PDB file of N, CA and C in Angstrom:
ATOM      1  N   MET A   1      -5.501  36.173  -5.372  1.00  0.00           N
ATOM      2  CA  MET A   1      -6.029  35.705  -6.774  1.00  0.00           C
ATOM      3  C   MET A   1      -5.693  34.261  -7.235  1.00  0.00           C
ATOM      4  N   ALA A   2      -7.043  33.643  -7.890  1.00  0.00           N
ATOM      5  CA  ALA A   2      -7.223  32.202  -7.697  1.00  0.00           C
ATOM      6  C   ALA A   2      -6.179  31.745  -9.061  1.00  0.00           C
ATOM      7  N   VAL A   3      -5.759  30.928  -8.712  1.00  0.00           N
ATOM      8  CA  VAL A   3      -4.721  30.548 -10.123  1.00  0.00           C
ATOM      9  C   VAL A   3      -5.688  29.649 -11.104  1.00  0.00           C
ATOM     10  N   PRO A   4      -6.117  29.807 -12.163  1.00  0.00           N
ATOM     11  CA  PRO A   4      -6.983  28.599 -13.326  1.00  0.00           C
ATOM     12  C   PRO A   4      -6.551  27.246 -12.924  1.00  0.00           C
ATOM     13  N   SER A   5      -7.139  26.240 -12.737  1.00  0.00           N
ATOM     14  CA  SER A   5      -7.078  25.014 -12.604  1.00  0.00           C
ATOM     15  C   SER A   5      -5.541  24.281 -13.374  1.00  0.00           C
ATOM     16  N   GLU A   6      -6.304  25.060 -15.115  1.00  0.00           N
ATOM     17  CA  GLU A   6      -4.873  24.058 -15.755  1.00  0.00           C
ATOM     18  C   GLU A   6      -3.454  24.633 -15.702  1.00  0.00           C
ATOM     19  N   ALA A   7      -3.348  25.824 -14.560  1.00  0.00           N
ATOM     20  CA  ALA A   7      -1.905  26.387 -14.390  1.00  0.00           C
ATOM     21  C   ALA A   7      -1.793  26.102 -13.020  1.00  0.00           C
ATOM     22  N   SER A   8      -2.289  25.591 -12.169  1.00  0.00           N
ATOM     23  CA  SER A   8      -1.879  24.687 -10.715  1.00  0.00           C
ATOM     24  C   SER A   8      -0.651  24.421 -10.832  1.00  0.00           C
ATOM     25  N   GLU A   9      -0.101  24.563  -9.761  1.00  0.00           N
ATOM     26  CA  GLU A   9       1.433  23.876  -9.906  1.00  0.00           C
ATOM     27  C   GLU A   9       1.499  23.766  -8.010  1.00  0.00           C
ATOM     28  N   ILE A  10       2.414  22.732  -8.071  1.00  0.00           N
ATOM     29  CA  ILE A  10       3.034  21.792  -6.250  1.00  0.00           C
ATOM     30  C   ILE A  10       3.974  22.382  -6.429  1.00  0.00           C
ATOM     31  N   LYS A  11       4.915  22.842  -4.845  1.00  0.00           N
ATOM     32  CA  LYS A  11       6.095  22.610  -4.828  1.00  0.00           C
ATOM     33  C   LYS A  11       6.819  21.763  -4.679  1.00  0.00           C
ATOM     34  N   GLY A  12       7.488  21.540  -5.042  1.00  0.00           N
ATOM     35  CA  GLY A  12       9.051  20.521  -5.440  1.00  0.00           C
ATOM     36  C   GLY A  12       9.166  19.697  -3.759  1.00  0.00           C
ATOM     37  N   VAL A  13       8.853  20.284  -2.352  1.00  0.00           N
ATOM     38  CA  VAL A  13       9.485  20.200  -1.645  1.00  0.00           C
ATOM     39  C   VAL A  13       8.509  19.055  -1.023  1.00  0.00           C
ATOM     40  N   TRP A  14       6.765  18.390  -2.155  1.00  0.00           N
ATOM     41  CA  TRP A  14       6.202  17.945  -1.544  1.00  0.00           C
ATOM     42  C   TRP A  14       6.658  16.342  -2.946  1.00  0.00           C
ATOM     43  N   LEU A  15       7.220  16.498  -3.893  1.00  0.00           N
ATOM     44  CA  LEU A  15       7.974  15.324  -4.277  1.00  0.00           C
ATOM     45  C   LEU A  15       9.590  14.822  -3.406  1.00  0.00           C
ATOM     46  N   VAL A  16      10.075  15.894  -3.229  1.00  0.00           N
ATOM     47  CA  VAL A  16      11.265  15.193  -2.255  1.00  0.00           C
ATOM     48  C   VAL A  16      11.126  14.499  -1.058  1.00  0.00           C
ATOM     49  N   THR A  17       9.794  14.682  -0.232  1.00  0.00           N
ATOM     50  CA  THR A  17       9.164  14.113   0.696  1.00  0.00           C
ATOM     51  C   THR A  17       8.769  13.060   0.269  1.00  0.00           C
ATOM     52  N   ALA A  18       8.038  12.712  -0.820  1.00  0.00           N
ATOM     53  CA  ALA A  18       7.489  11.371  -2.088  1.00  0.00           C
ATOM     54  C   ALA A  18       8.655  10.908  -1.418  1.00  0.00           C
ATOM     55  N   LYS A  19       9.988  10.955  -2.286  1.00  0.00           N
ATOM     56  CA  LYS A  19      10.506  10.126  -2.753  1.00  0.00           C
ATOM     57  C   LYS A  19      11.447   9.382  -1.684  1.00  0.00           C
ATOM     58  N   ALA A  20      11.495  10.413  -0.017  1.00  0.00           N
ATOM     59  CA  ALA A  20      12.421  10.317   0.938  1.00  0.00           C
ATOM     60  C   ALA A  20      11.474   9.068   1.330  1.00  0.00           C
ATOM     61  N   TYR A  21      10.120   9.330   1.091  1.00  0.00           N
ATOM     62  CA  TYR A  21       9.437   7.886   1.621  1.00  0.00           C
ATOM     63  C   TYR A  21       9.659   6.818   0.681  1.00  0.00           C
ATOM     64  N   VAL A  22       9.195   7.227  -0.283  1.00  0.00           N
ATOM     65  CA  VAL A  22       9.282   5.708  -1.170  1.00  0.00           C
ATOM     66  C   VAL A  22      10.770   5.024  -0.994  1.00  0.00           C
ATOM     67  N   LEU A  23      12.149   5.769  -1.170  1.00  0.00           N
ATOM     68  CA  LEU A  23      13.314   4.856  -1.200  1.00  0.00           C
ATOM     69  C   LEU A  23      13.180   4.562   0.663  1.00  0.00           C
ATOM     70  N   ASP A  24      12.836   5.212   1.609  1.00  0.00           N
ATOM     71  CA  ASP A  24      13.498   4.452   2.966  1.00  0.00           C
ATOM     72  C   ASP A  24      12.720   3.408   2.996  1.00  0.00           C
ATOM     73  N   HIS A  25      11.347   3.043   2.349  1.00  0.00           N
ATOM     74  CA  HIS A  25      10.411   1.627   2.918  1.00  0.00           C
ATOM     75  C   HIS A  25       9.944   1.235   1.499  1.00  0.00           C
ATOM     76  N   HIS A  26      10.299   1.535   0.766  1.00  0.00           N
ATOM     77  CA  HIS A  26      10.642   0.199  -0.584  1.00  0.00           C
ATOM     78  C   HIS A  26      11.345   0.489  -1.288  1.00  0.00           C
ATOM     79  N   GLY A  27      12.572   1.329  -1.593  1.00  0.00           N
ATOM     80  CA  GLY A  27      13.649   0.995  -2.016  1.00  0.00           C
ATOM     81  C   GLY A  27      13.559   1.764  -3.433  1.00  0.00           C
ATOM     82  N   ARG A  28      14.650   1.970  -3.918  1.00  0.00           N
ATOM     83  CA  ARG A  28      14.916   2.414  -5.335  1.00  0.00           C
ATOM     84  C   ARG A  28      13.909   2.038  -6.102  1.00  0.00           C
ATOM     85  N   ALA A  29      14.103   0.516  -6.498  1.00  0.00           N
ATOM     86  CA  ALA A  29      13.066  -0.015  -7.255  1.00  0.00           C
ATOM     87  C   ALA A  29      11.849   0.443  -7.808  1.00  0.00           C
ATOM     88  N   ALA A  30      11.019   0.675  -6.609  1.00  0.00           N
ATOM     89  CA  ALA A  30       9.936   1.758  -6.404  1.00  0.00           C
ATOM     90  C   ALA A  30       9.720   2.834  -6.631  1.00  0.00           C
ATOM     91  N   LEU A  31      11.158   3.274  -6.654  1.00  0.00           N
ATOM     92  CA  LEU A  31      10.983   4.705  -7.043  1.00  0.00           C
ATOM     93  C   LEU A  31      11.474   4.720  -8.434  1.00  0.00           C
ATOM     94  N   GLU A  32      11.949   4.128  -9.428  1.00  0.00           N
ATOM     95  CA  GLU A  32      12.195   3.840 -10.928  1.00  0.00           C
ATOM     96  C   GLU A  32      10.558   3.566 -11.533  1.00  0.00           C
ATOM     97  N   ARG A  33       9.447   2.641 -10.593  1.00  0.00           N
ATOM     98  CA  ARG A  33       8.457   2.018 -11.191  1.00  0.00           C
ATOM     99  C   ARG A  33       7.389   3.473 -11.130  1.00  0.00           C
ATOM    100  N   ILE A  34       7.939   3.410 -10.312  1.00  0.00           N
ATOM    101  CA  ILE A  34       6.785   5.166 -10.451  1.00  0.00           C
ATOM    102  C   ILE A  34       6.676   6.071 -11.208  1.00  0.00           C
ATOM    103  N   ALA A  35       8.491   6.483 -11.386  1.00  0.00           N
ATOM    104  CA  ALA A  35       9.222   7.431 -12.265  1.00  0.00           C
ATOM    105  C   ALA A  35       8.765   6.716 -13.838  1.00  0.00           C
ATOM    106  N   SER A  36       8.617   5.422 -14.485  1.00  0.00           N
ATOM    107  CA  SER A  36       8.196   5.302 -15.213  1.00  0.00           C
ATOM    108  C   SER A  36       6.615   5.126 -15.312  1.00  0.00           C
ATOM    109  N   SER A  37       6.226   5.193 -14.511  1.00  0.00           N
ATOM    110  CA  SER A  37       4.592   5.051 -14.447  1.00  0.00           C
ATOM    111  C   SER A  37       4.037   7.022 -15.123  1.00  0.00           C
ATOM    112  N   VAL A  38       4.811   7.740 -14.947  1.00  0.00           N
ATOM    113  CA  VAL A  38       4.162   9.197 -15.356  1.00  0.00           C
ATOM    114  C   VAL A  38       4.731   9.165 -16.705  1.00  0.00           C
ATOM    115  N   ASP A  39       4.432  10.666 -17.321  1.00  0.00           N
ATOM    116  CA  ASP A  39       5.010  10.928 -18.477  1.00  0.00           C
ATOM    117  C   ASP A  39       6.019  11.295 -18.706  1.00  0.00           C
ATOM    118  N   PRO A  40       6.452  10.640 -19.560  1.00  0.00           N
ATOM    119  CA  PRO A  40       8.307  10.811 -20.035  1.00  0.00           C
ATOM    120  C   PRO A  40       8.780  12.112 -19.096  1.00  0.00           C
ATOM    121  N   SER A  41       8.228  13.714 -19.568  1.00  0.00           N
ATOM    122  CA  SER A  41       8.861  14.699 -19.324  1.00  0.00           C
ATOM    123  C   SER A  41       8.769  14.763 -17.515  1.00  0.00           C
ATOM    124  N   PHE A  42       7.989  13.838 -16.863  1.00  0.00           N
ATOM    125  CA  PHE A  42       7.896  14.203 -15.622  1.00  0.00           C
ATOM    126  C   PHE A  42       8.771  13.323 -14.823  1.00  0.00           C
ATOM    127  N   ALA A  43       9.615  12.279 -15.613  1.00  0.00           N
ATOM    128  CA  ALA A  43      10.158  11.070 -14.732  1.00  0.00           C
ATOM    129  C   ALA A  43      11.524  11.878 -14.266  1.00  0.00           C
ATOM    130  N   SER A  44      12.659  12.669 -14.459  1.00  0.00           N
ATOM    131  CA  SER A  44      13.492  12.935 -14.003  1.00  0.00           C
ATOM    132  C   SER A  44      13.011  14.289 -12.449  1.00  0.00           C
ATOM    133  N   ALA A  45      11.722  14.616 -11.978  1.00  0.00           N
ATOM    134  CA  ALA A  45      11.212  15.015 -11.645  1.00  0.00           C
ATOM    135  C   ALA A  45      10.946  14.484 -10.551  1.00  0.00           C
ATOM    136  N   VAL A  46      10.368  13.028 -10.650  1.00  0.00           N
ATOM    137  CA  VAL A  46      10.671  12.191  -9.337  1.00  0.00           C
ATOM    138  C   VAL A  46      11.373  11.423  -9.298  1.00  0.00           C
ATOM    139  N   LEU A  47      12.631  11.049  -9.476  1.00  0.00           N
ATOM    140  CA  LEU A  47      13.751  10.653  -9.582  1.00  0.00           C
ATOM    141  C   LEU A  47      14.654  11.895  -8.471  1.00  0.00           C
ATOM    142  N   GLU A  48      14.510  12.786  -9.045  1.00  0.00           N
ATOM    143  CA  GLU A  48      15.358  14.161  -8.365  1.00  0.00           C
ATOM    144  C   GLU A  48      14.645  15.373  -8.498  1.00  0.00           C
ATOM    145  N   PRO A  49      13.672  15.315  -7.844  1.00  0.00           N
ATOM    146  CA  PRO A  49      12.917  16.823  -7.068  1.00  0.00           C
ATOM    147  C   PRO A  49      13.740  17.857  -6.679  1.00  0.00           C
ATOM    148  N   LEU A  50      13.511  18.936  -7.035  1.00  0.00           N
ATOM    149  CA  LEU A  50      13.931  19.870  -6.458  1.00  0.00           C
ATOM    150  C   LEU A  50      13.253  20.331  -5.564  1.00  0.00           C
ATOM    151  N   PRO A  51      13.372  20.921  -4.058  1.00  0.00           N
ATOM    152  CA  PRO A  51      12.628  21.301  -3.501  1.00  0.00           C
ATOM    153  C   PRO A  51      11.659  22.484  -3.709  1.00  0.00           C
ATOM    154  N   SER A  52      12.385  23.664  -4.017  1.00  0.00           N
ATOM    155  CA  SER A  52      12.150  25.248  -4.302  1.00  0.00           C
ATOM    156  C   SER A  52      11.400  25.237  -5.605  1.00  0.00           C
ATOM    157  N   HIS A  53      11.571  24.244  -6.343  1.00  0.00           N
ATOM    158  CA  HIS A  53      10.774  24.106  -7.996  1.00  0.00           C
ATOM    159  C   HIS A  53       9.493  23.709  -7.581  1.00  0.00           C
ATOM    160  N   TRP A  54       8.605  24.738  -9.040  1.00  0.00           N
ATOM    161  CA  TRP A  54       7.049  24.144  -8.646  1.00  0.00           C
ATOM    162  C   TRP A  54       6.719  23.217 -10.341  1.00  0.00           C
ATOM    163  N   TYR A  55       6.340  22.380  -9.983  1.00  0.00           N
ATOM    164  CA  TYR A  55       6.000  21.460 -10.667  1.00  0.00           C
ATOM    165  C   TYR A  55       4.286  21.337 -11.025  1.00  0.00           C
ATOM    166  N   PRO A  56       3.972  21.428 -12.485  1.00  0.00           N
ATOM    167  CA  PRO A  56       2.519  21.180 -12.804  1.00  0.00           C
ATOM    168  C   PRO A  56       1.973  20.368 -11.836  1.00  0.00           C
ATOM    169  N   GLU A  57       0.686  20.234 -11.809  1.00  0.00           N
ATOM    170  CA  GLU A  57      -0.485  19.848 -10.544  1.00  0.00           C
ATOM    171  C   GLU A  57      -0.458  18.067 -11.289  1.00  0.00           C
ATOM    172  N   ALA A  58      -0.153  18.657 -12.768  1.00  0.00           N
ATOM    173  CA  ALA A  58      -0.494  16.907 -13.437  1.00  0.00           C
ATOM    174  C   ALA A  58       0.867  15.970 -12.810  1.00  0.00           C
ATOM    175  N   LEU A  59       2.028  16.484 -12.360  1.00  0.00           N
ATOM    176  CA  LEU A  59       2.805  15.564 -11.843  1.00  0.00           C
ATOM    177  C   LEU A  59       2.333  15.230 -10.560  1.00  0.00           C
ATOM    178  N   LEU A  60       1.863  15.942  -9.810  1.00  0.00           N
ATOM    179  CA  LEU A  60       1.309  14.755  -8.472  1.00  0.00           C
ATOM    180  C   LEU A  60       0.174  14.487  -8.896  1.00  0.00           C
ATOM    181  N   GLN A  61      -0.709  14.175 -10.003  1.00  0.00           N
ATOM    182  CA  GLN A  61      -1.999  13.137 -10.001  1.00  0.00           C
ATOM    183  C   GLN A  61      -1.399  12.124 -10.706  1.00  0.00           C
ATOM    184  N   GLN A  62      -0.317  12.531 -11.699  1.00  0.00           N
ATOM    185  CA  GLN A  62       0.331  11.309 -12.100  1.00  0.00           C
ATOM    186  C   GLN A  62       1.252  10.340 -11.080  1.00  0.00           C
ATOM    187  N   SER A  63       1.823  10.959  -9.948  1.00  0.00           N
ATOM    188  CA  SER A  63       2.737  10.484  -9.060  1.00  0.00           C
ATOM    189  C   SER A  63       1.505   9.603  -7.974  1.00  0.00           C
ATOM    190  N   LEU A  64       0.937   9.704  -7.508  1.00  0.00           N
ATOM    191  CA  LEU A  64      -0.267   9.705  -6.718  1.00  0.00           C
ATOM    192  C   LEU A  64      -0.560   8.251  -7.343  1.00  0.00           C
ATOM    193  N   ARG A  65      -1.206   8.174  -8.600  1.00  0.00           N
ATOM    194  CA  ARG A  65      -1.480   7.428  -9.356  1.00  0.00           C
ATOM    195  C   ARG A  65      -0.343   5.664  -9.764  1.00  0.00           C
ATOM    196  N   GLY A  66       0.803   6.387  -9.614  1.00  0.00           N
ATOM    197  CA  GLY A  66       1.719   5.528 -10.212  1.00  0.00           C
ATOM    198  C   GLY A  66       2.401   4.901  -8.645  1.00  0.00           C
ATOM    199  N   MET A  67       2.049   5.453  -7.489  1.00  0.00           N
ATOM    200  CA  MET A  67       2.882   5.423  -6.279  1.00  0.00           C
ATOM    201  C   MET A  67       1.615   4.261  -5.496  1.00  0.00           C
ATOM    202  N   LYS A  68      -0.209   4.703  -5.877  1.00  0.00           N
ATOM    203  CA  LYS A  68      -0.901   3.694  -5.903  1.00  0.00           C
ATOM    204  C   LYS A  68      -0.662   2.287  -6.100  1.00  0.00           C
ATOM    205  N   ARG A  69      -0.101   2.600  -7.443  1.00  0.00           N
ATOM    206  CA  ARG A  69      -0.430   0.999  -8.289  1.00  0.00           C
ATOM    207  C   ARG A  69       1.383   0.344  -8.182  1.00  0.00           C
ATOM    208  N   ALA A  70       2.591   1.177  -8.057  1.00  0.00           N
ATOM    209  CA  ALA A  70       3.605   0.635  -7.444  1.00  0.00           C
ATOM    210  C   ALA A  70       3.848  -0.002  -5.918  1.00  0.00           C
ATOM    211  N   ILE A  71       3.448   0.636  -5.203  1.00  0.00           N
ATOM    212  CA  ILE A  71       3.579   0.287  -3.415  1.00  0.00           C
ATOM    213  C   ILE A  71       1.850   0.689  -2.861  1.00  0.00           C
ATOM    214  N   GLY A  72       1.706   0.140  -3.249  1.00  0.00           N
ATOM    215  CA  GLY A  72      -0.082   1.019  -2.545  1.00  0.00           C
ATOM    216  C   GLY A  72      -0.920  -0.412  -2.728  1.00  0.00           C
ATOM    217  N   ARG A  73      -0.424  -1.373  -3.426  1.00  0.00           N
ATOM    218  CA  ARG A  73      -0.739  -2.802  -4.225  1.00  0.00           C
ATOM    219  C   ARG A  73      -2.021  -2.033  -4.800  1.00  0.00           C
ATOM    220  N   ASP A  74      -2.231  -1.126  -5.513  1.00  0.00           N
ATOM    221  CA  ASP A  74      -3.544  -0.596  -6.193  1.00  0.00           C
ATOM    222  C   ASP A  74      -5.074  -0.449  -5.506  1.00  0.00           C
ATOM    223  N   SER A  75      -4.678   0.206  -4.644  1.00  0.00           N
ATOM    224  CA  SER A  75      -6.413   0.374  -3.218  1.00  0.00           C
ATOM    225  C   SER A  75      -5.942   1.543  -3.201  1.00  0.00           C
ATOM    226  N   ASP A  76      -7.681   2.068  -2.835  1.00  0.00           N
ATOM    227  CA  ASP A  76      -7.333   3.235  -2.118  1.00  0.00           C
ATOM    228  C   ASP A  76      -6.855   3.294  -0.740  1.00  0.00           C
ATOM    229  N   ASP A  77      -7.265   2.143  -0.331  1.00  0.00           N
ATOM    230  CA  ASP A  77      -6.610   2.429   1.773  1.00  0.00           C
ATOM    231  C   ASP A  77      -4.854   1.870   1.732  1.00  0.00           C
ATOM    232  N   GLY A  78      -4.228   1.355   0.191  1.00  0.00           N
ATOM    233  CA  GLY A  78      -2.911   1.480   0.294  1.00  0.00           C
ATOM    234  C   GLY A  78      -2.353   2.397   0.124  1.00  0.00           C
ATOM    235  N   LEU A  79      -3.269   3.481  -0.817  1.00  0.00           N
ATOM    236  CA  LEU A  79      -2.577   4.986  -1.421  1.00  0.00           C
ATOM    237  C   LEU A  79      -2.516   5.775  -0.349  1.00  0.00           C
ATOM    238  N   LEU A  80      -3.700   5.826   0.276  1.00  0.00           N
ATOM    239  CA  LEU A  80      -3.889   6.698   1.750  1.00  0.00           C
ATOM    240  C   LEU A  80      -2.969   6.119   2.876  1.00  0.00           C
ATOM    241  N   ARG A  81      -2.514   5.344   3.049  1.00  0.00           N
ATOM    242  CA  ARG A  81      -1.228   4.650   3.649  1.00  0.00           C
ATOM    243  C   ARG A  81       0.118   4.991   3.350  1.00  0.00           C
ATOM    244  N   VAL A  82       0.034   5.173   1.877  1.00  0.00           N
ATOM    245  CA  VAL A  82       1.246   6.065   1.758  1.00  0.00           C
ATOM    246  C   VAL A  82       1.298   7.340   1.781  1.00  0.00           C
ATOM    247  N   ILE A  83       0.195   8.140   1.404  1.00  0.00           N
ATOM    248  CA  ILE A  83       0.170   9.546   1.828  1.00  0.00           C
ATOM    249  C   ILE A  83       0.095   9.901   3.168  1.00  0.00           C
ATOM    250  N   GLU A  84      -0.535   8.791   4.418  1.00  0.00           N
ATOM    251  CA  GLU A  84      -0.240   8.993   5.623  1.00  0.00           C
ATOM    252  C   GLU A  84       1.408   8.523   5.621  1.00  0.00           C
ATOM    253  N   GLY A  85       1.991   7.770   5.098  1.00  0.00           N
ATOM    254  CA  GLY A  85       3.271   7.956   5.972  1.00  0.00           C
ATOM    255  C   GLY A  85       4.470   8.763   5.415  1.00  0.00           C
ATOM    256  N   CYS A  86       4.094   9.525   3.922  1.00  0.00           N
ATOM    257  CA  CYS A  86       4.379  10.813   3.470  1.00  0.00           C
ATOM    258  C   CYS A  86       4.733  11.855   4.579  1.00  0.00           C
ATOM    259  N   THR A  87       3.589  11.451   5.627  1.00  0.00           N
ATOM    260  CA  THR A  87       3.544  13.121   5.971  1.00  0.00           C
ATOM    261  C   THR A  87       4.523  12.430   7.600  1.00  0.00           C
ATOM    262  N   GLU A  88       4.743  11.570   8.283  1.00  0.00           N
ATOM    263  CA  GLU A  88       5.105  11.048   9.331  1.00  0.00           C
ATOM    264  C   GLU A  88       6.871  11.102   9.030  1.00  0.00           C
ATOM    265  N   LEU A  89       7.397  11.531   7.844  1.00  0.00           N
ATOM    266  CA  LEU A  89       8.839  11.790   7.399  1.00  0.00           C
ATOM    267  C   LEU A  89       9.270  12.655   8.825  1.00  0.00           C
TER     268      LEU A  89
END
């Protein structure tokens, strides 16, 4: 059964992996900049994600936008490098 797009969710393990990448390659300050760029109700999920928790897809979208700005030099190529880096952990 397909899930309607407004109800789409992501598994927290993605956020855990992204957090590890950011901390390892860009530091705590970068993670905090990303957390401050998302809706305040999502900030704690960026800073302390739970791997088995399901989060709204909007959090993923906002996190990627924040990563692009904070560590991807606000470019599509920079964001692509960030995503690739997350997959290499």
